[in-house]
Amino acid sequence: MKKTEASILLFHRVHPTRDILWDPMDPKRFESILKFIKKNYTVLPLLEILETKPVNTKKPLAAITFDDGYRDFIDYSLPIMTHLKIPSSMYVVTDCICRNKPTWTFEVDYLFFHTKKLQINWTIDISFMPATLQKNKFANKKELIAFCLKFKQHIKLIPEQKRKSLIYDLLSSFNDVTIPTGLMMSWKEINQIINHGIEVGSHTVTHPSLATLDKVDIQKELEESKSALFKHTGINPKIISYPVGSYNQEVKEASAVTGYKYGLAVNHKIYDLKSGNNFEIPRIELYNEPFWKSWLRIKQYV
């Protein structure tokens, strides 16, 4: 790596409980990755890398980032990073913090995984969906889960109102499931991690796919999340992390107009500090998979 490059790594949840739909990273695996990063990289807070662009380092640069604001960050990630003296950043979904509710992506997985029902009562016309997703009855749980894996990826790309209608039908159809509370950090806990030295920024208000929104709604998501963070923490965030990696030129321009200085994508590339592209900063997302696969992602061999 060049001294003008940085590997910006993205994590979501670190937790020992396994989940076939959205598997958190196992704490031991997370620790192994961080030990590797600490040994081979100079790990700095992301804002320090972006604003000072340090080049006088013997090792290549790296930053650790988290999205969403799940409480298990405090339980599992933070103790490991504190022990290893590794800094990190957290980008929170402000409505999820305010309402003590998980992101819609978590809700969809949770509904499909925990329901005992095998039928969805669609009230919305689903003819706009791909033929393989125009289903409402399933032979067994395995078939339902397989449907969910494709369904969730597709609805990240559709217009926001249609996505909300589909999720409303899921909540009505799978009414034998109660979405858990207490999974997100509170504002008190957000302030605690700030006092611990964690950088905190915005991940929007409701975690939408920003590129699917109109200009007014994009602005609302950017402005209101910024305002909520300032109200509850006193921080005027400089960084917006685009949910589900969704952005376009309009999103980048709106982010700048709203007062953000940087926008984080999930482009699985090493960031060139000289690129000047402050609103399309790539990150490399890591998953709960064998270390050699994470190593290949970090080194950008895959």
Protein backbone atom coordinates (compact mmCIF):
# COMPACT_ATOMS: atom_id res chain seq x y z
CA MET A 1 0.00 0.00 0.00
CA LYS A 2 1.04 3.58 -0.67
CA LYS A 3 1.39 5.99 2.24
CA THR A 4 -1.47 8.00 0.74
CA GLU A 5 -3.86 5.06 1.10
CA ALA A 6 -5.98 3.80 4.01
CA SER A 7 -7.93 0.61 4.61
CA ILE A 8 -11.22 1.62 6.22
CA LEU A 9 -12.86 -1.47 7.70
CA LEU A 10 -16.59 -1.79 8.37
CA PHE A 11 -18.24 -3.90 11.07
CA HIS A 12 -21.85 -4.04 12.21
CA ARG A 13 -22.41 -6.40 15.12
CA VAL A 14 -20.01 -8.48 17.21
CA HIS A 15 -21.85 -11.13 19.22
CA PRO A 16 -21.38 -14.81 20.16
CA THR A 17 -24.91 -15.82 19.11
CA ARG A 18 -25.15 -17.18 15.57
CA ASP A 19 -27.79 -16.09 13.04
CA ILE A 20 -28.20 -17.73 9.63
CA LEU A 21 -29.72 -14.59 8.08
CA TRP A 22 -27.43 -11.85 9.39
CA ASP A 23 -24.60 -13.44 11.30
CA PRO A 24 -22.78 -11.15 13.77
CA MET A 25 -19.03 -11.52 13.94
CA ASP A 26 -17.88 -13.85 16.70
CA PRO A 27 -15.95 -11.92 19.39
CA LYS A 28 -12.90 -14.22 19.15
CA ARG A 29 -12.80 -13.74 15.38
CA PHE A 30 -13.14 -9.98 15.83
CA GLU A 31 -10.22 -9.97 18.26
CA SER A 32 -8.06 -11.99 15.86
CA ILE A 33 -8.74 -9.52 13.06
CA LEU A 34 -7.92 -6.54 15.26
CA LYS A 35 -4.67 -8.13 16.44
CA PHE A 36 -3.70 -8.63 12.80
CA ILE A 37 -4.62 -5.03 11.97
CA LYS A 38 -2.70 -3.64 14.95
CA LYS A 39 0.41 -5.64 14.03
CA ASN A 40 0.40 -4.69 10.35
CA TYR A 41 -1.20 -1.22 10.23
CA THR A 42 -1.14 2.14 11.94
CA VAL A 43 -4.71 2.34 13.24
CA LEU A 44 -6.04 5.88 13.69
CA PRO A 45 -9.46 7.47 14.22
CA LEU A 46 -11.09 7.90 10.82
CA LEU A 47 -11.47 11.68 11.11
CA GLU A 48 -7.76 11.99 11.88
CA ILE A 49 -6.95 10.11 8.70
CA LEU A 50 -9.39 12.14 6.60
CA GLU A 51 -8.45 15.55 7.96
CA THR A 52 -4.70 15.31 8.57
CA LYS A 53 -3.85 12.74 5.88
CA PRO A 54 -0.81 11.42 7.79
CA VAL A 55 1.97 10.04 5.63
CA ASN A 56 4.86 9.74 8.09
CA THR A 57 3.94 6.26 9.25
CA LYS A 58 6.03 3.13 8.88
CA LYS A 59 2.95 0.97 8.42
CA PRO A 60 -0.04 1.48 6.12
CA LEU A 61 -3.05 3.29 7.56
CA ALA A 62 -6.27 1.67 8.75
CA ALA A 63 -9.47 2.77 10.51
CA ILE A 64 -12.17 0.74 12.25
CA THR A 65 -15.81 1.76 11.71
CA PHE A 66 -19.19 0.46 12.86
CA ASP A 67 -22.68 1.15 11.51
CA ASP A 68 -26.14 1.21 13.15
CA GLY A 69 -25.63 1.64 16.91
CA TYR A 70 -26.41 -1.80 18.34
CA ARG A 71 -25.84 -2.14 22.07
CA ASP A 72 -23.64 -5.22 21.75
CA PHE A 73 -20.94 -2.76 20.64
CA ILE A 74 -20.58 -1.93 24.34
CA ASP A 75 -20.78 -5.55 25.46
CA TYR A 76 -18.33 -7.15 23.02
CA SER A 77 -16.56 -4.78 20.61
CA LEU A 78 -15.55 -1.97 22.93
CA PRO A 79 -13.82 -4.13 25.60
CA ILE A 80 -11.68 -5.80 22.93
CA MET A 81 -10.73 -2.50 21.30
CA THR A 82 -10.02 -0.93 24.68
CA HIS A 83 -7.73 -3.82 25.61
CA LEU A 84 -5.87 -3.53 22.29
CA LYS A 85 -5.91 0.30 22.42
CA ILE A 86 -7.55 0.55 19.01
CA PRO A 87 -9.76 3.58 18.15
CA SER A 88 -13.02 3.32 16.23
CA SER A 89 -16.01 5.21 14.87
CA MET A 90 -19.73 4.50 15.22
CA TYR A 91 -22.45 5.78 12.85
CA VAL A 92 -25.91 5.64 14.37
CA VAL A 93 -29.48 5.50 13.06
CA THR A 94 -31.02 8.26 15.16
CA ASP A 95 -34.66 7.13 15.00
CA CYS A 96 -33.62 3.64 16.14
CA ILE A 97 -31.81 5.18 19.12
CA CYS A 98 -34.74 7.46 19.97
CA ARG A 99 -37.38 4.73 19.65
CA ASN A 100 -35.33 1.83 21.02
CA LYS A 101 -36.01 -0.24 17.89
CA PRO A 102 -33.67 -2.11 15.56
CA THR A 103 -33.16 -1.21 11.91
CA TRP A 104 -35.70 -2.39 9.33
CA THR A 105 -33.09 -4.78 7.90
CA PHE A 106 -32.89 -6.52 11.29
CA GLU A 107 -36.70 -6.55 11.60
CA VAL A 108 -37.13 -8.33 8.26
CA ASP A 109 -34.64 -11.05 9.19
CA TYR A 110 -36.13 -11.44 12.65
CA LEU A 111 -39.68 -11.83 11.33
CA PHE A 112 -38.75 -14.51 8.81
CA PHE A 113 -36.53 -16.40 11.22
CA HIS A 114 -38.93 -16.49 14.18
CA THR A 115 -42.36 -16.85 12.60
CA LYS A 116 -44.08 -20.22 12.57
CA LYS A 117 -46.31 -19.14 9.70
CA LEU A 118 -45.70 -20.09 6.09
CA GLN A 119 -47.91 -17.57 4.31
CA ILE A 120 -47.64 -13.84 3.63
CA ASN A 121 -50.88 -11.94 3.16
CA TRP A 122 -49.84 -9.30 0.65
CA THR A 123 -52.14 -6.29 0.52
CA ILE A 124 -49.78 -4.47 -1.83
CA ASP A 125 -49.68 -5.43 -5.51
CA ILE A 126 -46.37 -7.30 -5.81
CA SER A 127 -46.37 -7.55 -9.61
CA PHE A 128 -43.44 -5.09 -9.67
CA MET A 129 -41.28 -7.70 -7.91
CA PRO A 130 -39.21 -10.26 -9.85
CA ALA A 131 -41.19 -13.39 -10.69
CA THR A 132 -39.18 -15.46 -8.20
CA LEU A 133 -40.31 -13.13 -5.40
CA GLN A 134 -43.99 -13.00 -6.31
CA LYS A 135 -44.85 -15.65 -3.72
CA ASN A 136 -47.06 -15.77 -0.68
CA LYS A 137 -47.06 -19.45 0.33
CA PHE A 138 -44.14 -21.65 1.32
CA ALA A 139 -43.84 -25.40 1.74
CA ASN A 140 -41.58 -25.28 4.78
CA LYS A 141 -39.32 -23.08 6.89
CA LYS A 142 -36.28 -23.76 4.72
CA GLU A 143 -38.10 -22.41 1.68
CA LEU A 144 -39.25 -19.36 3.65
CA ILE A 145 -35.70 -18.55 4.75
CA ALA A 146 -34.37 -18.97 1.21
CA PHE A 147 -37.03 -16.52 0.04
CA CYS A 148 -36.03 -14.04 2.75
CA LEU A 149 -32.38 -13.99 1.66
CA LYS A 150 -33.34 -12.89 -1.86
CA PHE A 151 -36.25 -10.71 -0.77
CA LYS A 152 -34.22 -8.53 1.61
CA GLN A 153 -31.50 -7.87 -0.94
CA HIS A 154 -34.05 -6.84 -3.56
CA ILE A 155 -36.07 -4.47 -1.37
CA LYS A 156 -32.92 -2.45 -0.66
CA LEU A 157 -33.17 -1.31 -4.29
CA ILE A 158 -36.85 -0.43 -4.64
CA PRO A 159 -38.66 2.88 -3.92
CA GLU A 160 -38.98 3.64 -0.22
CA GLN A 161 -42.78 3.66 -0.04
CA LYS A 162 -43.06 0.25 -1.67
CA ARG A 163 -40.48 -1.14 0.75
CA LYS A 164 -42.41 0.22 3.71
CA SER A 165 -45.64 -1.33 2.39
CA LEU A 166 -43.99 -4.71 1.96
CA ILE A 167 -42.62 -4.62 5.50
CA TYR A 168 -46.01 -3.58 6.85
CA ASP A 169 -47.50 -6.69 5.25
CA LEU A 170 -44.76 -8.84 6.78
CA LEU A 171 -45.50 -7.43 10.24
CA SER A 172 -49.22 -8.14 9.76
CA SER A 173 -48.70 -11.63 8.33
CA PHE A 174 -46.10 -12.73 10.87
CA ASN A 175 -48.02 -11.37 13.85
CA ASP A 176 -46.88 -14.29 15.99
CA VAL A 177 -43.51 -12.51 16.28
CA THR A 178 -42.67 -9.57 18.53
CA ILE A 179 -39.71 -7.47 17.46
CA PRO A 180 -37.33 -7.23 20.45
CA THR A 181 -36.45 -3.95 22.14
CA GLY A 182 -33.28 -3.04 24.00
CA LEU A 183 -30.97 -3.97 21.13
CA MET A 184 -29.86 -0.43 20.37
CA MET A 185 -27.76 1.89 22.47
CA SER A 186 -29.56 4.70 24.29
CA TRP A 187 -28.46 8.32 23.98
CA LYS A 188 -26.93 7.99 27.44
CA GLU A 189 -24.84 5.09 26.18
CA ILE A 190 -23.95 6.97 22.99
CA ASN A 191 -22.58 9.76 25.17
CA GLN A 192 -20.68 7.20 27.24
CA ILE A 193 -18.86 5.82 24.20
CA ILE A 194 -18.12 9.38 23.05
CA ASN A 195 -16.54 10.04 26.44
CA HIS A 196 -14.59 6.82 25.92
CA GLY A 197 -13.05 8.33 22.78
CA ILE A 198 -15.28 6.77 20.11
CA GLU A 199 -16.05 9.02 17.14
CA VAL A 200 -19.80 9.19 16.46
CA GLY A 201 -21.49 10.21 13.20
CA SER A 202 -24.73 9.85 11.28
CA HIS A 203 -26.22 6.80 9.61
CA THR A 204 -29.45 8.74 8.79
CA VAL A 205 -32.78 8.83 10.64
CA THR A 206 -34.50 5.63 9.48
CA HIS A 207 -31.81 3.65 7.60
CA PRO A 208 -33.29 4.03 4.10
CA SER A 209 -31.62 3.31 0.78
CA LEU A 210 -30.86 6.96 0.12
CA ALA A 211 -30.52 6.56 -3.65
CA THR A 212 -34.18 5.44 -3.85
CA LEU A 213 -35.51 8.62 -2.20
CA ASP A 214 -36.58 11.91 -3.76
CA LYS A 215 -34.62 15.08 -3.05
CA VAL A 216 -36.89 16.23 -0.20
CA ASP A 217 -36.67 12.94 1.67
CA ILE A 218 -32.91 12.68 1.18
CA GLN A 219 -32.53 16.13 2.72
CA LYS A 220 -34.82 15.18 5.60
CA GLU A 221 -32.83 12.06 6.44
CA LEU A 222 -29.56 13.98 6.37
CA GLU A 223 -30.71 17.08 8.23
CA GLU A 224 -32.81 15.44 10.94
CA SER A 225 -30.16 12.88 11.86
CA LYS A 226 -27.61 15.68 12.11
CA SER A 227 -29.97 17.69 14.33
CA ALA A 228 -30.73 14.69 16.57
CA LEU A 229 -27.05 13.99 17.11
CA PHE A 230 -26.40 17.62 18.04
CA LYS A 231 -29.42 17.71 20.35
CA HIS A 232 -28.51 14.56 22.27
CA THR A 233 -24.70 14.67 22.20
CA GLY A 234 -23.64 18.22 21.35
CA ILE A 235 -21.74 16.85 18.35
CA ASN A 236 -22.17 18.37 14.91
CA PRO A 237 -21.30 15.27 12.85
CA LYS A 238 -18.92 15.64 9.94
CA ILE A 239 -19.49 12.16 8.53
CA ILE A 240 -22.58 10.53 7.00
CA SER A 241 -22.48 6.77 6.49
CA TYR A 242 -24.85 5.76 3.67
CA PRO A 243 -27.20 2.93 4.79
CA VAL A 244 -26.86 -0.34 2.83
CA GLY A 245 -24.19 1.42 0.78
CA SER A 246 -26.86 3.23 -1.23
CA TYR A 247 -25.96 6.60 -2.74
CA ASN A 248 -25.85 8.51 -6.01
CA GLN A 249 -24.76 11.94 -7.18
CA GLU A 250 -27.84 13.59 -5.67
CA VAL A 251 -27.10 12.00 -2.28
CA LYS A 252 -23.49 13.17 -2.39
CA GLU A 253 -24.50 16.72 -3.30
CA ALA A 254 -27.20 16.82 -0.60
CA SER A 255 -24.69 15.59 1.99
CA ALA A 256 -22.38 18.48 1.20
CA VAL A 257 -25.22 21.02 1.24
CA THR A 258 -26.41 19.70 4.63
CA GLY A 259 -23.00 20.38 6.13
CA TYR A 260 -21.34 16.99 6.16
CA LYS A 261 -17.70 16.91 5.06
CA TYR A 262 -17.44 13.20 4.25
CA GLY A 263 -19.68 10.37 3.03
CA LEU A 264 -18.91 6.70 3.63
CA ALA A 265 -19.76 4.04 1.07
CA VAL A 266 -19.19 0.26 1.05
CA ASN A 267 -17.19 -0.11 -2.15
CA HIS A 268 -14.72 -2.73 -0.92
CA LYS A 269 -11.70 -0.74 -2.00
CA ILE A 270 -8.70 0.84 -0.32
CA TYR A 271 -9.16 4.59 0.02
CA ASP A 272 -6.81 6.93 -1.81
CA LEU A 273 -6.41 9.99 0.41
CA LYS A 274 -5.44 12.05 -2.64
CA SER A 275 -8.60 11.21 -4.57
CA GLY A 276 -10.45 14.32 -3.36
CA ASN A 277 -13.68 12.32 -3.48
CA ASN A 278 -14.84 13.08 0.04
CA PHE A 279 -18.40 11.83 -0.45
CA GLU A 280 -17.60 8.42 -1.89
CA ILE A 281 -15.09 7.11 0.63
CA PRO A 282 -14.83 3.33 0.25
CA ARG A 283 -14.91 0.87 3.10
CA ILE A 284 -14.19 -2.84 3.25
CA GLU A 285 -16.93 -4.73 5.07
CA LEU A 286 -15.88 -7.80 7.03
CA TYR A 287 -18.09 -10.76 7.89
CA ASN A 288 -18.20 -13.71 10.26
CA GLU A 289 -16.10 -15.97 8.08
CA PRO A 290 -12.74 -17.76 8.38
CA PHE A 291 -9.80 -15.43 9.01
CA TRP A 292 -8.16 -16.20 5.66
CA LYS A 293 -11.22 -14.80 3.87
CA SER A 294 -11.13 -11.63 5.96
CA TRP A 295 -7.40 -11.37 5.23
CA LEU A 296 -8.08 -11.56 1.50
CA ARG A 297 -10.72 -8.83 1.78
CA ILE A 298 -8.45 -6.57 3.81
CA LYS A 299 -5.57 -7.06 1.39
CA GLN A 300 -7.99 -6.59 -1.54
CA TYR A 301 -7.22 -9.90 -3.20
CA VAL A 302 -10.97 -10.57 -3.55
